[in-house]
Amino acid sequence: MLRMTKQADYGIVLLTRMAREEGRRFAAPELAEETHLPLPTVSKILKILSRSGLLHSTRGVKGGYSLARAAVGINVADMIEALEGPIAFTECIEDSPGSCSQEASCTIRGNWQRINEAVRGALERITLSDLTAPISPRLVQIASSLARSNSSDTAQTSR
């Protein structure tokens, strides 16, 4: 199972909260309270996001954290990479020769690269601004219906 870490999940929750009021500075305790996340975790994530360039950090009484660029200019791939590092489904995706013991005889490395590029492309198309807009339950139902329809079409054509 592929699953995002809690750190990446919480980081996206924090960034989404901040994007709802672009230009405003947020203190870590305030964000922890509003998002119901533990303060030590929030503080750690905010520091990581600040070091990665997604947030500005300002010290002092009126200090806090704010988005470093517009929410429309930050995508989900940026957020995940800031918190987790490069998006790579397998070791060979990172283009570091010799990191995989099967590299010399692997026949599907190119296919894994295609999959990785497709997922990364999808994550790049969703912006932080997009995440602030609620999705209608009807759209979720339509998307689920389309996914089921496409998977049954694929199953029928592969028979």
Protein backbone atom coordinates (compact mmCIF):
# COMPACT_ATOMS: atom_id res chain seq x y z
CA MET A 1 0.00 0.00 0.00
CA LEU A 2 1.25 3.45 -0.88
CA ARG A 3 0.55 5.92 1.84
CA MET A 4 1.66 9.44 2.62
CA THR A 5 3.29 9.92 6.03
CA LYS A 6 1.51 11.73 8.85
CA GLN A 7 4.11 14.48 8.61
CA ALA A 8 3.23 15.17 4.97
CA ASP A 9 -0.49 14.88 5.70
CA TYR A 10 -0.28 17.29 8.64
CA GLY A 11 1.93 19.66 6.66
CA ILE A 12 -0.66 19.89 3.91
CA VAL A 13 -3.38 20.47 6.52
CA LEU A 14 -1.34 23.35 7.99
CA LEU A 15 -0.55 24.89 4.61
CA THR A 16 -4.19 24.65 3.57
CA ARG A 17 -5.26 26.42 6.75
CA MET A 18 -2.73 29.17 6.10
CA ALA A 19 -3.78 29.51 2.45
CA ARG A 20 -7.33 30.34 3.52
CA GLU A 21 -5.96 33.65 4.83
CA GLU A 22 -3.05 34.43 2.51
CA GLY A 23 -0.80 37.22 3.69
CA ARG A 24 -1.56 36.63 7.36
CA ARG A 25 1.07 35.48 9.87
CA PHE A 26 0.25 32.49 12.04
CA ALA A 27 1.82 31.43 15.33
CA ALA A 28 2.49 27.73 15.86
CA PRO A 29 0.25 27.46 18.97
CA GLU A 30 -2.62 29.08 17.08
CA LEU A 31 -2.27 26.65 14.16
CA ALA A 32 -2.00 23.69 16.53
CA GLU A 33 -5.21 24.70 18.26
CA GLU A 34 -7.13 25.40 15.05
CA THR A 35 -6.07 22.16 13.35
CA HIS A 36 -6.21 19.99 16.50
CA LEU A 37 -2.62 18.83 15.94
CA PRO A 38 0.03 18.51 18.67
CA LEU A 39 2.09 21.69 19.09
CA PRO A 40 5.50 19.94 18.94
CA THR A 41 4.52 18.35 15.62
CA VAL A 42 3.21 21.64 14.24
CA SER A 43 6.40 23.46 15.27
CA LYS A 44 8.59 20.81 13.66
CA ILE A 45 6.62 20.87 10.38
CA LEU A 46 6.58 24.68 10.22
CA LYS A 47 10.38 24.74 10.58
CA ILE A 48 10.78 22.18 7.79
CA LEU A 49 8.43 24.13 5.50
CA SER A 50 10.28 27.33 6.30
CA ARG A 51 13.69 25.77 5.51
CA SER A 52 12.29 24.43 2.23
CA GLY A 53 11.16 27.91 1.15
CA LEU A 54 7.40 27.34 1.26
CA LEU A 55 6.98 29.51 4.36
CA HIS A 56 8.48 32.76 5.63
CA SER A 57 9.37 32.84 9.30
CA THR A 58 9.33 36.15 11.17
CA ARG A 59 10.66 36.47 14.72
CA GLY A 60 9.37 38.74 17.43
CA VAL A 61 6.15 39.69 19.13
CA LYS A 62 4.28 40.08 15.85
CA GLY A 63 6.17 37.23 14.24
CA GLY A 64 4.97 33.94 12.96
CA TYR A 65 4.76 32.00 9.72
CA SER A 66 3.25 33.01 6.39
CA LEU A 67 3.21 31.54 2.90
CA ALA A 68 6.38 32.41 0.97
CA ARG A 69 4.46 32.62 -2.31
CA ALA A 70 0.86 32.66 -3.48
CA ALA A 71 -1.19 29.53 -2.81
CA VAL A 72 -1.79 29.17 -6.55
CA GLY A 73 2.00 28.87 -7.00
CA ILE A 74 2.45 25.98 -4.55
CA ASN A 75 1.44 22.50 -5.69
CA VAL A 76 0.98 19.22 -3.84
CA ALA A 77 4.24 17.82 -5.25
CA ASP A 78 6.10 20.86 -3.79
CA MET A 79 4.54 20.22 -0.38
CA ILE A 80 5.27 16.48 -0.31
CA GLU A 81 8.86 16.97 -1.50
CA ALA A 82 9.46 19.65 1.13
CA LEU A 83 8.36 17.29 3.88
CA GLU A 84 9.43 13.89 2.56
CA GLY A 85 12.03 14.39 -0.16
CA PRO A 86 11.79 13.34 -3.80
CA ILE A 87 8.66 11.55 -4.98
CA ALA A 88 9.85 8.10 -6.03
CA PHE A 89 7.92 4.85 -5.96
CA THR A 90 11.02 2.70 -6.28
CA GLU A 91 14.73 3.18 -5.61
CA CYS A 92 15.62 3.26 -9.30
CA ILE A 93 13.41 6.31 -9.91
CA GLU A 94 15.84 8.60 -8.10
CA ASP A 95 18.44 8.13 -10.88
CA SER A 96 21.14 7.02 -8.50
CA PRO A 97 22.87 4.16 -10.34
CA GLY A 98 23.70 1.16 -8.22
CA SER A 99 21.08 1.80 -5.56
CA CYS A 100 19.04 -1.21 -6.68
CA SER A 101 20.44 -4.74 -6.64
CA GLN A 102 18.15 -5.70 -9.57
CA GLU A 103 19.12 -2.75 -11.77
CA ALA A 104 21.19 -4.74 -14.28
CA SER A 105 18.41 -7.22 -15.06
CA CYS A 106 15.29 -5.11 -14.45
CA THR A 107 12.94 -5.05 -17.42
CA ILE A 108 10.36 -2.66 -15.99
CA ARG A 109 12.44 0.31 -14.77
CA GLY A 110 11.16 2.45 -17.64
CA ASN A 111 7.58 1.57 -16.75
CA TRP A 112 8.14 2.57 -13.12
CA GLN A 113 9.52 5.87 -14.38
CA ARG A 114 6.36 6.40 -16.47
CA ILE A 115 4.17 5.65 -13.45
CA ASN A 116 6.21 7.99 -11.26
CA GLU A 117 6.01 10.77 -13.86
CA ALA A 118 2.22 10.33 -14.16
CA VAL A 119 1.68 10.53 -10.41
CA ARG A 120 4.07 13.46 -10.05
CA GLY A 121 2.32 15.26 -12.92
CA ALA A 122 -1.06 14.78 -11.23
CA LEU A 123 0.31 16.14 -7.94
CA GLU A 124 1.82 19.13 -9.75
CA ARG A 125 -1.58 20.02 -11.25
CA ILE A 126 -3.25 20.38 -7.85
CA THR A 127 -2.37 23.64 -6.12
CA LEU A 128 -2.64 24.71 -2.52
CA SER A 129 -5.30 27.14 -3.71
CA ASP A 130 -7.29 24.19 -5.11
CA LEU A 131 -7.16 22.47 -1.71
CA THR A 132 -8.83 25.43 0.01
CA ALA A 133 -11.96 25.05 -2.10
CA PRO A 134 -14.42 22.50 -0.74
CA ILE A 135 -15.38 19.70 -3.11
CA SER A 136 -19.06 19.12 -3.59
CA PRO A 137 -20.17 15.64 -2.41
CA ARG A 138 -21.83 15.29 -5.82
CA LEU A 139 -18.48 15.71 -7.58
CA VAL A 140 -16.92 13.05 -5.36
CA GLN A 141 -19.76 10.67 -6.26
CA ILE A 142 -19.37 11.41 -9.98
CA ALA A 143 -15.61 10.85 -9.79
CA SER A 144 -16.14 7.54 -7.97
CA SER A 145 -18.68 6.42 -10.57
CA LEU A 146 -16.29 7.31 -13.40
CA ALA A 147 -13.45 5.42 -11.75
CA ARG A 148 -15.62 2.31 -11.35
CA SER A 149 -16.80 2.62 -14.94
CA ASN A 150 -13.26 2.97 -16.28
CA SER A 151 -12.00 -0.01 -14.28
CA SER A 152 -14.83 -2.25 -15.56
CA ASP A 153 -14.18 -1.07 -19.16
CA THR A 154 -10.49 -1.92 -18.74
CA ALA A 155 -11.33 -5.33 -17.30
CA GLN A 156 -13.65 -6.10 -20.24
CA THR A 157 -11.13 -5.08 -22.90
CA SER A 158 -8.37 -7.12 -21.31
CA ARG A 159 -10.43 -10.31 -21.56
